[in-house]
């Protein structure tokens, strides 16, 4: 998976994700939606046969920290599933 930041400012981040299916991005979007500081979280896939998407997050706080926090939270959940 390849991730690059296309745009970032004090409340918005747009990230390009290559080499991943919509499964991970959808899980991340749902995790972001649980955060009360997130105003918008969504993704766009230009074509269903191309594994490249753009994720947009707008938050009240630092959007990069918000995305990283959501990813860490998902990682913890996956580890818990591995243990069980």
PDB file of N, CA and C in Angstrom:
ATOM      1  N   UNK A   1       0.842  -1.171   0.000  1.00  0.00           N
ATOM      2  CA  UNK A   1       0.000   0.000   0.000  1.00  0.00           C
ATOM      3  C   UNK A   1       0.893   1.242   0.000  1.00  0.00           C
ATOM      4  N   UNK A   2       0.516   2.197  -0.801  1.00  0.00           N
ATOM      5  CA  UNK A   2       1.250   3.457  -0.911  1.00  0.00           C
ATOM      6  C   UNK A   2       0.309   4.596  -0.536  1.00  0.00           C
ATOM      7  N   UNK A   3       0.753   5.462   0.374  1.00  0.00           N
ATOM      8  CA  UNK A   3      -0.074   6.583   0.829  1.00  0.00           C
ATOM      9  C   UNK A   3       0.683   7.881   0.587  1.00  0.00           C
ATOM     10  N   UNK A   4      -0.028   8.866   0.035  1.00  0.00           N
ATOM     11  CA  UNK A   4       0.588  10.180  -0.159  1.00  0.00           C
ATOM     12  C   UNK A   4      -0.442  11.254   0.197  1.00  0.00           C
ATOM     13  N   UNK A   5       0.043  12.332   0.783  1.00  0.00           N
ATOM     14  CA  UNK A   5      -0.824  13.441   1.145  1.00  0.00           C
ATOM     15  C   UNK A   5      -0.894  14.388  -0.045  1.00  0.00           C
ATOM     16  N   UNK A   6      -2.106  14.597  -0.544  1.00  0.00           N
ATOM     17  CA  UNK A   6      -2.304  15.506  -1.677  1.00  0.00           C
ATOM     18  C   UNK A   6      -2.535  16.934  -1.222  1.00  0.00           C
ATOM     19  N   UNK A   7      -3.223  17.080  -0.089  1.00  0.00           N
ATOM     20  CA  UNK A   7      -3.547  18.413   0.404  1.00  0.00           C
ATOM     21  C   UNK A   7      -3.700  18.335   1.915  1.00  0.00           C
ATOM     22  N   UNK A   8      -3.195  19.353   2.595  1.00  0.00           N
ATOM     23  CA  UNK A   8      -3.381  19.416   4.043  1.00  0.00           C
ATOM     24  C   UNK A   8      -3.398  20.887   4.463  1.00  0.00           C
ATOM     25  N   UNK A   9      -4.314  21.201   5.347  1.00  0.00           N
ATOM     26  CA  UNK A   9      -4.328  22.512   5.988  1.00  0.00           C
ATOM     27  C   UNK A   9      -4.740  22.301   7.442  1.00  0.00           C
ATOM     28  N   UNK A  10      -5.119  23.333   8.137  1.00  0.00           N
ATOM     29  CA  UNK A  10      -5.340  23.208   9.586  1.00  0.00           C
ATOM     30  C   UNK A  10      -6.539  22.341   9.949  1.00  0.00           C
ATOM     31  N   UNK A  11      -7.479  22.123   9.020  1.00  0.00           N
ATOM     32  CA  UNK A  11      -8.631  21.288   9.359  1.00  0.00           C
ATOM     33  C   UNK A  11      -8.984  20.227   8.315  1.00  0.00           C
ATOM     34  N   UNK A  12      -8.283  20.188   7.201  1.00  0.00           N
ATOM     35  CA  UNK A  12      -8.608  19.247   6.128  1.00  0.00           C
ATOM     36  C   UNK A  12      -7.364  18.517   5.638  1.00  0.00           C
ATOM     37  N   UNK A  13      -7.546  17.224   5.351  1.00  0.00           N
ATOM     38  CA  UNK A  13      -6.476  16.447   4.733  1.00  0.00           C
ATOM     39  C   UNK A  13      -7.090  15.608   3.616  1.00  0.00           C
ATOM     40  N   UNK A  14      -6.385  15.550   2.493  1.00  0.00           N
ATOM     41  CA  UNK A  14      -6.772  14.690   1.384  1.00  0.00           C
ATOM     42  C   UNK A  14      -5.603  13.758   1.124  1.00  0.00           C
ATOM     43  N   UNK A  15      -5.869  12.475   1.231  1.00  0.00           N
ATOM     44  CA  UNK A  15      -4.833  11.462   1.117  1.00  0.00           C
ATOM     45  C   UNK A  15      -5.141  10.562  -0.076  1.00  0.00           C
ATOM     46  N   UNK A  16      -4.122  10.235  -0.852  1.00  0.00           N
ATOM     47  CA  UNK A  16      -4.242   9.305  -1.977  1.00  0.00           C
ATOM     48  C   UNK A  16      -3.709   7.960  -1.511  1.00  0.00           C
ATOM     49  N   UNK A  17      -4.511   6.903  -1.668  1.00  0.00           N
ATOM     50  CA  UNK A  17      -4.129   5.557  -1.246  1.00  0.00           C
ATOM     51  C   UNK A  17      -4.104   4.660  -2.483  1.00  0.00           C
ATOM     52  N   UNK A  18      -2.951   4.024  -2.710  1.00  0.00           N
ATOM     53  CA  UNK A  18      -2.794   3.123  -3.861  1.00  0.00           C
ATOM     54  C   UNK A  18      -2.491   1.723  -3.358  1.00  0.00           C
ATOM     55  N   UNK A  19      -2.992   0.730  -4.081  1.00  0.00           N
ATOM     56  CA  UNK A  19      -2.664  -0.657  -3.759  1.00  0.00           C
ATOM     57  C   UNK A  19      -3.513  -1.240  -2.639  1.00  0.00           C
ATOM     58  N   UNK A  20      -4.692  -0.705  -2.440  1.00  0.00           N
ATOM     59  CA  UNK A  20      -5.572  -1.199  -1.376  1.00  0.00           C
ATOM     60  C   UNK A  20      -7.007  -1.219  -1.899  1.00  0.00           C
ATOM     61  N   UNK A  21      -7.795  -2.129  -1.368  1.00  0.00           N
ATOM     62  CA  UNK A  21      -9.200  -2.199  -1.766  1.00  0.00           C
ATOM     63  C   UNK A  21     -10.026  -1.224  -0.929  1.00  0.00           C
ATOM     64  N   UNK A  22     -11.283  -1.113  -1.265  1.00  0.00           N
ATOM     65  CA  UNK A  22     -12.162  -0.217  -0.520  1.00  0.00           C
ATOM     66  C   UNK A  22     -12.434  -0.710   0.899  1.00  0.00           C
ATOM     67  N   UNK A  23     -12.132  -1.965   1.184  1.00  0.00           N
ATOM     68  CA  UNK A  23     -12.404  -2.527   2.511  1.00  0.00           C
ATOM     69  C   UNK A  23     -11.703  -1.728   3.611  1.00  0.00           C
ATOM     70  N   UNK A  24     -10.407  -1.531   3.480  1.00  0.00           N
ATOM     71  CA  UNK A  24      -9.659  -0.798   4.499  1.00  0.00           C
ATOM     72  C   UNK A  24     -10.114   0.660   4.589  1.00  0.00           C
ATOM     73  N   UNK A  25     -10.320   1.292   3.455  1.00  0.00           N
ATOM     74  CA  UNK A  25     -10.727   2.697   3.444  1.00  0.00           C
ATOM     75  C   UNK A  25     -12.105   2.853   4.075  1.00  0.00           C
ATOM     76  N   UNK A  26     -12.997   1.929   3.803  1.00  0.00           N
ATOM     77  CA  UNK A  26     -14.329   1.985   4.390  1.00  0.00           C
ATOM     78  C   UNK A  26     -14.277   1.811   5.908  1.00  0.00           C
ATOM     79  N   UNK A  27     -13.450   0.889   6.372  1.00  0.00           N
ATOM     80  CA  UNK A  27     -13.291   0.698   7.817  1.00  0.00           C
ATOM     81  C   UNK A  27     -12.731   1.960   8.465  1.00  0.00           C
ATOM     82  N   UNK A  28     -11.763   2.576   7.815  1.00  0.00           N
ATOM     83  CA  UNK A  28     -11.171   3.811   8.327  1.00  0.00           C
ATOM     84  C   UNK A  28     -12.212   4.924   8.361  1.00  0.00           C
ATOM     85  N   UNK A  29     -13.002   5.025   7.318  1.00  0.00           N
ATOM     86  CA  UNK A  29     -14.039   6.059   7.259  1.00  0.00           C
ATOM     87  C   UNK A  29     -15.053   5.884   8.400  1.00  0.00           C
ATOM     88  N   UNK A  30     -15.436   4.649   8.668  1.00  0.00           N
ATOM     89  CA  UNK A  30     -16.365   4.394   9.767  1.00  0.00           C
ATOM     90  C   UNK A  30     -15.741   4.723  11.123  1.00  0.00           C
ATOM     91  N   UNK A  31     -14.473   4.393  11.283  1.00  0.00           N
ATOM     92  CA  UNK A  31     -13.770   4.712  12.541  1.00  0.00           C
ATOM     93  C   UNK A  31     -13.680   6.227  12.716  1.00  0.00           C
ATOM     94  N   UNK A  32     -13.402   6.944  11.647  1.00  0.00           N
ATOM     95  CA  UNK A  32     -13.347   8.410  11.713  1.00  0.00           C
ATOM     96  C   UNK A  32     -14.713   8.993  12.073  1.00  0.00           C
ATOM     97  N   UNK A  33     -15.778   8.397  11.571  1.00  0.00           N
ATOM     98  CA  UNK A  33     -17.126   8.885  11.848  1.00  0.00           C
ATOM     99  C   UNK A  33     -17.487   8.764  13.328  1.00  0.00           C
ATOM    100  N   UNK A  34     -16.822   7.890  14.057  1.00  0.00           N
ATOM    101  CA  UNK A  34     -17.057   7.736  15.492  1.00  0.00           C
ATOM    102  C   UNK A  34     -16.455   8.889  16.301  1.00  0.00           C
ATOM    103  N   UNK A  35     -15.537   9.623  15.703  1.00  0.00           N
ATOM    104  CA  UNK A  35     -14.849  10.725  16.382  1.00  0.00           C
ATOM    105  C   UNK A  35     -15.711  11.990  16.289  1.00  0.00           C
ATOM    106  N   UNK A  36     -16.062  12.559  17.444  1.00  0.00           N
ATOM    107  CA  UNK A  36     -16.941  13.739  17.466  1.00  0.00           C
ATOM    108  C   UNK A  36     -16.288  14.984  16.852  1.00  0.00           C
ATOM    109  N   UNK A  37     -14.971  14.985  16.723  1.00  0.00           N
ATOM    110  CA  UNK A  37     -14.276  16.124  16.121  1.00  0.00           C
ATOM    111  C   UNK A  37     -14.221  16.059  14.593  1.00  0.00           C
ATOM    112  N   UNK A  38     -14.590  14.917  14.016  1.00  0.00           N
ATOM    113  CA  UNK A  38     -14.566  14.770  12.562  1.00  0.00           C
ATOM    114  C   UNK A  38     -15.863  15.315  11.980  1.00  0.00           C
ATOM    115  N   UNK A  39     -15.720  16.270  11.081  1.00  0.00           N
ATOM    116  CA  UNK A  39     -16.881  16.883  10.438  1.00  0.00           C
ATOM    117  C   UNK A  39     -17.261  16.146   9.158  1.00  0.00           C
ATOM    118  N   UNK A  40     -16.258  15.713   8.395  1.00  0.00           N
ATOM    119  CA  UNK A  40     -16.474  14.991   7.143  1.00  0.00           C
ATOM    120  C   UNK A  40     -15.421  13.898   7.015  1.00  0.00           C
ATOM    121  N   UNK A  41     -15.855  12.720   6.595  1.00  0.00           N
ATOM    122  CA  UNK A  41     -14.906  11.667   6.221  1.00  0.00           C
ATOM    123  C   UNK A  41     -15.533  10.889   5.071  1.00  0.00           C
ATOM    124  N   UNK A  42     -14.823  10.846   3.975  1.00  0.00           N
ATOM    125  CA  UNK A  42     -15.335  10.134   2.813  1.00  0.00           C
ATOM    126  C   UNK A  42     -14.215   9.802   1.858  1.00  0.00           C
ATOM    127  N   UNK A  43     -14.517   8.912   0.930  1.00  0.00           N
ATOM    128  CA  UNK A  43     -13.508   8.552  -0.056  1.00  0.00           C
ATOM    129  C   UNK A  43     -14.140   8.471  -1.435  1.00  0.00           C
ATOM    130  N   UNK A  44     -13.287   8.529  -2.438  1.00  0.00           N
ATOM    131  CA  UNK A  44     -13.720   8.450  -3.825  1.00  0.00           C
ATOM    132  C   UNK A  44     -12.779   7.524  -4.572  1.00  0.00           C
ATOM    133  N   UNK A  45     -13.367   6.607  -5.309  1.00  0.00           N
ATOM    134  CA  UNK A  45     -12.581   5.725  -6.175  1.00  0.00           C
ATOM    135  C   UNK A  45     -12.948   6.073  -7.609  1.00  0.00           C
ATOM    136  N   UNK A  46     -11.968   6.489  -8.391  1.00  0.00           N
ATOM    137  CA  UNK A  46     -12.239   6.943  -9.749  1.00  0.00           C
ATOM    138  C   UNK A  46     -12.783   5.839 -10.656  1.00  0.00           C
ATOM    139  N   UNK A  47     -12.290   4.627 -10.466  1.00  0.00           N
ATOM    140  CA  UNK A  47     -12.745   3.506 -11.289  1.00  0.00           C
ATOM    141  C   UNK A  47     -12.671   2.224 -10.457  1.00  0.00           C
ATOM    142  N   UNK A  48     -13.682   1.355 -10.525  1.00  0.00           N
ATOM    143  CA  UNK A  48     -13.691   0.158  -9.681  1.00  0.00           C
ATOM    144  C   UNK A  48     -12.578  -0.847  -9.969  1.00  0.00           C
ATOM    145  N   UNK A  49     -11.978  -0.789 -11.134  1.00  0.00           N
ATOM    146  CA  UNK A  49     -10.898  -1.725 -11.459  1.00  0.00           C
ATOM    147  C   UNK A  49      -9.516  -1.177 -11.125  1.00  0.00           C
ATOM    148  N   UNK A  50      -9.457   0.053 -10.672  1.00  0.00           N
ATOM    149  CA  UNK A  50      -8.178   0.666 -10.305  1.00  0.00           C
ATOM    150  C   UNK A  50      -8.127   0.783  -8.780  1.00  0.00           C
ATOM    151  N   UNK A  51      -7.092   0.213  -8.186  1.00  0.00           N
ATOM    152  CA  UNK A  51      -6.982   0.204  -6.723  1.00  0.00           C
ATOM    153  C   UNK A  51      -6.304   1.477  -6.205  1.00  0.00           C
ATOM    154  N   UNK A  52      -6.952   2.593  -6.482  1.00  0.00           N
ATOM    155  CA  UNK A  52      -6.462   3.896  -6.040  1.00  0.00           C
ATOM    156  C   UNK A  52      -7.667   4.733  -5.618  1.00  0.00           C
ATOM    157  N   UNK A  53      -7.572   5.323  -4.422  1.00  0.00           N
ATOM    158  CA  UNK A  53      -8.670   6.114  -3.880  1.00  0.00           C
ATOM    159  C   UNK A  53      -8.154   7.388  -3.237  1.00  0.00           C
ATOM    160  N   UNK A  54      -9.053   8.348  -3.111  1.00  0.00           N
ATOM    161  CA  UNK A  54      -8.748   9.584  -2.392  1.00  0.00           C
ATOM    162  C   UNK A  54      -9.626   9.621  -1.148  1.00  0.00           C
ATOM    163  N   UNK A  55      -9.007   9.834   0.003  1.00  0.00           N
ATOM    164  CA  UNK A  55      -9.715   9.949   1.273  1.00  0.00           C
ATOM    165  C   UNK A  55      -9.673  11.398   1.707  1.00  0.00           C
ATOM    166  N   UNK A  56     -10.833  11.949   2.047  1.00  0.00           N
ATOM    167  CA  UNK A  56     -10.929  13.335   2.502  1.00  0.00           C
ATOM    168  C   UNK A  56     -11.444  13.347   3.935  1.00  0.00           C
ATOM    169  N   UNK A  57     -10.745  14.059   4.801  1.00  0.00           N
ATOM    170  CA  UNK A  57     -11.152  14.186   6.201  1.00  0.00           C
ATOM    171  C   UNK A  57     -11.092  15.655   6.594  1.00  0.00           C
ATOM    172  N   UNK A  58     -12.186  16.128   7.179  1.00  0.00           N
ATOM    173  CA  UNK A  58     -12.232  17.486   7.714  1.00  0.00           C
ATOM    174  C   UNK A  58     -12.577  17.355   9.191  1.00  0.00           C
ATOM    175  N   UNK A  59     -11.752  17.966  10.030  1.00  0.00           N
ATOM    176  CA  UNK A  59     -11.968  17.837  11.467  1.00  0.00           C
ATOM    177  C   UNK A  59     -11.770  19.175  12.182  1.00  0.00           C
ATOM    178  N   UNK A  60     -12.220  19.207  13.418  1.00  0.00           N
ATOM    179  CA  UNK A  60     -12.057  20.415  14.235  1.00  0.00           C
ATOM    180  C   UNK A  60     -10.610  20.573  14.696  1.00  0.00           C
ATOM    181  N   UNK A  61      -9.887  19.462  14.810  1.00  0.00           N
ATOM    182  CA  UNK A  61      -8.495  19.499  15.246  1.00  0.00           C
ATOM    183  C   UNK A  61      -7.552  19.227  14.090  1.00  0.00           C
ATOM    184  N   UNK A  62      -6.352  18.783  14.411  1.00  0.00           N
ATOM    185  CA  UNK A  62      -5.329  18.448  13.416  1.00  0.00           C
ATOM    186  C   UNK A  62      -5.794  17.222  12.629  1.00  0.00           C
ATOM    187  N   UNK A  63      -6.065  17.362  11.333  1.00  0.00           N
ATOM    188  CA  UNK A  63      -6.605  16.238  10.574  1.00  0.00           C
ATOM    189  C   UNK A  63      -5.628  15.067  10.427  1.00  0.00           C
ATOM    190  N   UNK A  64      -4.339  15.358  10.349  1.00  0.00           N
ATOM    191  CA  UNK A  64      -3.353  14.279  10.220  1.00  0.00           C
ATOM    192  C   UNK A  64      -3.332  13.428  11.486  1.00  0.00           C
ATOM    193  N   UNK A  65      -3.341  14.075  12.641  1.00  0.00           N
ATOM    194  CA  UNK A  65      -3.373  13.340  13.909  1.00  0.00           C
ATOM    195  C   UNK A  65      -4.656  12.539  14.044  1.00  0.00           C
ATOM    196  N   UNK A  66      -5.746  13.084  13.546  1.00  0.00           N
ATOM    197  CA  UNK A  66      -7.034  12.399  13.611  1.00  0.00           C
ATOM    198  C   UNK A  66      -7.001  11.106  12.798  1.00  0.00           C
ATOM    199  N   UNK A  67      -6.440  11.163  11.596  1.00  0.00           N
ATOM    200  CA  UNK A  67      -6.345   9.973  10.742  1.00  0.00           C
ATOM    201  C   UNK A  67      -5.397   8.947  11.366  1.00  0.00           C
ATOM    202  N   UNK A  68      -4.266   9.390  11.848  1.00  0.00           N
ATOM    203  CA  UNK A  68      -3.295   8.475  12.468  1.00  0.00           C
ATOM    204  C   UNK A  68      -3.918   7.797  13.690  1.00  0.00           C
ATOM    205  N   UNK A  69      -4.646   8.547  14.489  1.00  0.00           N
ATOM    206  CA  UNK A  69      -5.308   7.992  15.671  1.00  0.00           C
ATOM    207  C   UNK A  69      -6.333   6.926  15.281  1.00  0.00           C
ATOM    208  N   UNK A  70      -7.104   7.183  14.233  1.00  0.00           N
ATOM    209  CA  UNK A  70      -8.096   6.213  13.764  1.00  0.00           C
ATOM    210  C   UNK A  70      -7.410   4.940  13.254  1.00  0.00           C
ATOM    211  N   UNK A  71      -6.300   5.091  12.547  1.00  0.00           N
ATOM    212  CA  UNK A  71      -5.551   3.932  12.057  1.00  0.00           C
ATOM    213  C   UNK A  71      -4.999   3.107  13.214  1.00  0.00           C
ATOM    214  N   UNK A  72      -4.479   3.770  14.235  1.00  0.00           N
ATOM    215  CA  UNK A  72      -3.961   3.052  15.411  1.00  0.00           C
ATOM    216  C   UNK A  72      -5.077   2.300  16.116  1.00  0.00           C
ATOM    217  N   UNK A  73      -6.233   2.927  16.212  1.00  0.00           N
ATOM    218  CA  UNK A  73      -7.379   2.286  16.846  1.00  0.00           C
ATOM    219  C   UNK A  73      -7.801   1.034  16.077  1.00  0.00           C
ATOM    220  N   UNK A  74      -7.827   1.123  14.753  1.00  0.00           N
ATOM    221  CA  UNK A  74      -8.145  -0.053  13.933  1.00  0.00           C
ATOM    222  C   UNK A  74      -7.104  -1.151  14.137  1.00  0.00           C
ATOM    223  N   UNK A  75      -5.837  -0.760  14.222  1.00  0.00           N
ATOM    224  CA  UNK A  75      -4.764  -1.728  14.454  1.00  0.00           C
ATOM    225  C   UNK A  75      -4.957  -2.481  15.758  1.00  0.00           C
ATOM    226  N   UNK A  76      -5.361  -1.777  16.802  1.00  0.00           N
ATOM    227  CA  UNK A  76      -5.616  -2.424  18.099  1.00  0.00           C
ATOM    228  C   UNK A  76      -6.767  -3.409  17.994  1.00  0.00           C
ATOM    229  N   UNK A  77      -7.819  -3.022  17.274  1.00  0.00           N
ATOM    230  CA  UNK A  77      -8.962  -3.914  17.106  1.00  0.00           C
ATOM    231  C   UNK A  77      -8.564  -5.176  16.354  1.00  0.00           C
ATOM    232  N   UNK A  78      -7.736  -5.049  15.312  1.00  0.00           N
ATOM    233  CA  UNK A  78      -7.294  -6.213  14.546  1.00  0.00           C
ATOM    234  C   UNK A  78      -6.433  -7.136  15.409  1.00  0.00           C
ATOM    235  N   UNK A  79      -5.587  -6.555  16.250  1.00  0.00           N
ATOM    236  CA  UNK A  79      -4.746  -7.362  17.128  1.00  0.00           C
ATOM    237  C   UNK A  79      -5.601  -8.146  18.129  1.00  0.00           C
ATOM    238  N   UNK A  80      -6.648  -7.513  18.626  1.00  0.00           N
ATOM    239  CA  UNK A  80      -7.564  -8.197  19.541  1.00  0.00           C
ATOM    240  C   UNK A  80      -8.229  -9.387  18.848  1.00  0.00           C
ATOM    241  N   UNK A  81      -8.576  -9.227  17.585  1.00  0.00           N
ATOM    242  CA  UNK A  81      -9.184 -10.330  16.834  1.00  0.00           C
ATOM    243  C   UNK A  81      -8.186 -11.471  16.632  1.00  0.00           C
ATOM    244  N   UNK A  82      -6.915 -11.139  16.405  1.00  0.00           N
ATOM    245  CA  UNK A  82      -5.891 -12.152  16.235  1.00  0.00           C
ATOM    246  C   UNK A  82      -5.709 -12.968  17.499  1.00  0.00           C
ATOM    247  N   UNK A  83      -5.810 -12.315  18.653  1.00  0.00           N
ATOM    248  CA  UNK A  83      -5.622 -13.012  19.936  1.00  0.00           C
ATOM    249  C   UNK A  83      -6.751 -13.995  20.193  1.00  0.00           C
ATOM    250  N   UNK A  84      -7.955 -13.618  19.812  1.00  0.00           N
ATOM    251  CA  UNK A  84      -9.113 -14.486  20.043  1.00  0.00           C
ATOM    252  C   UNK A  84      -9.090 -15.601  19.061  1.00  0.00           C
TER     253      UNK A  84
END
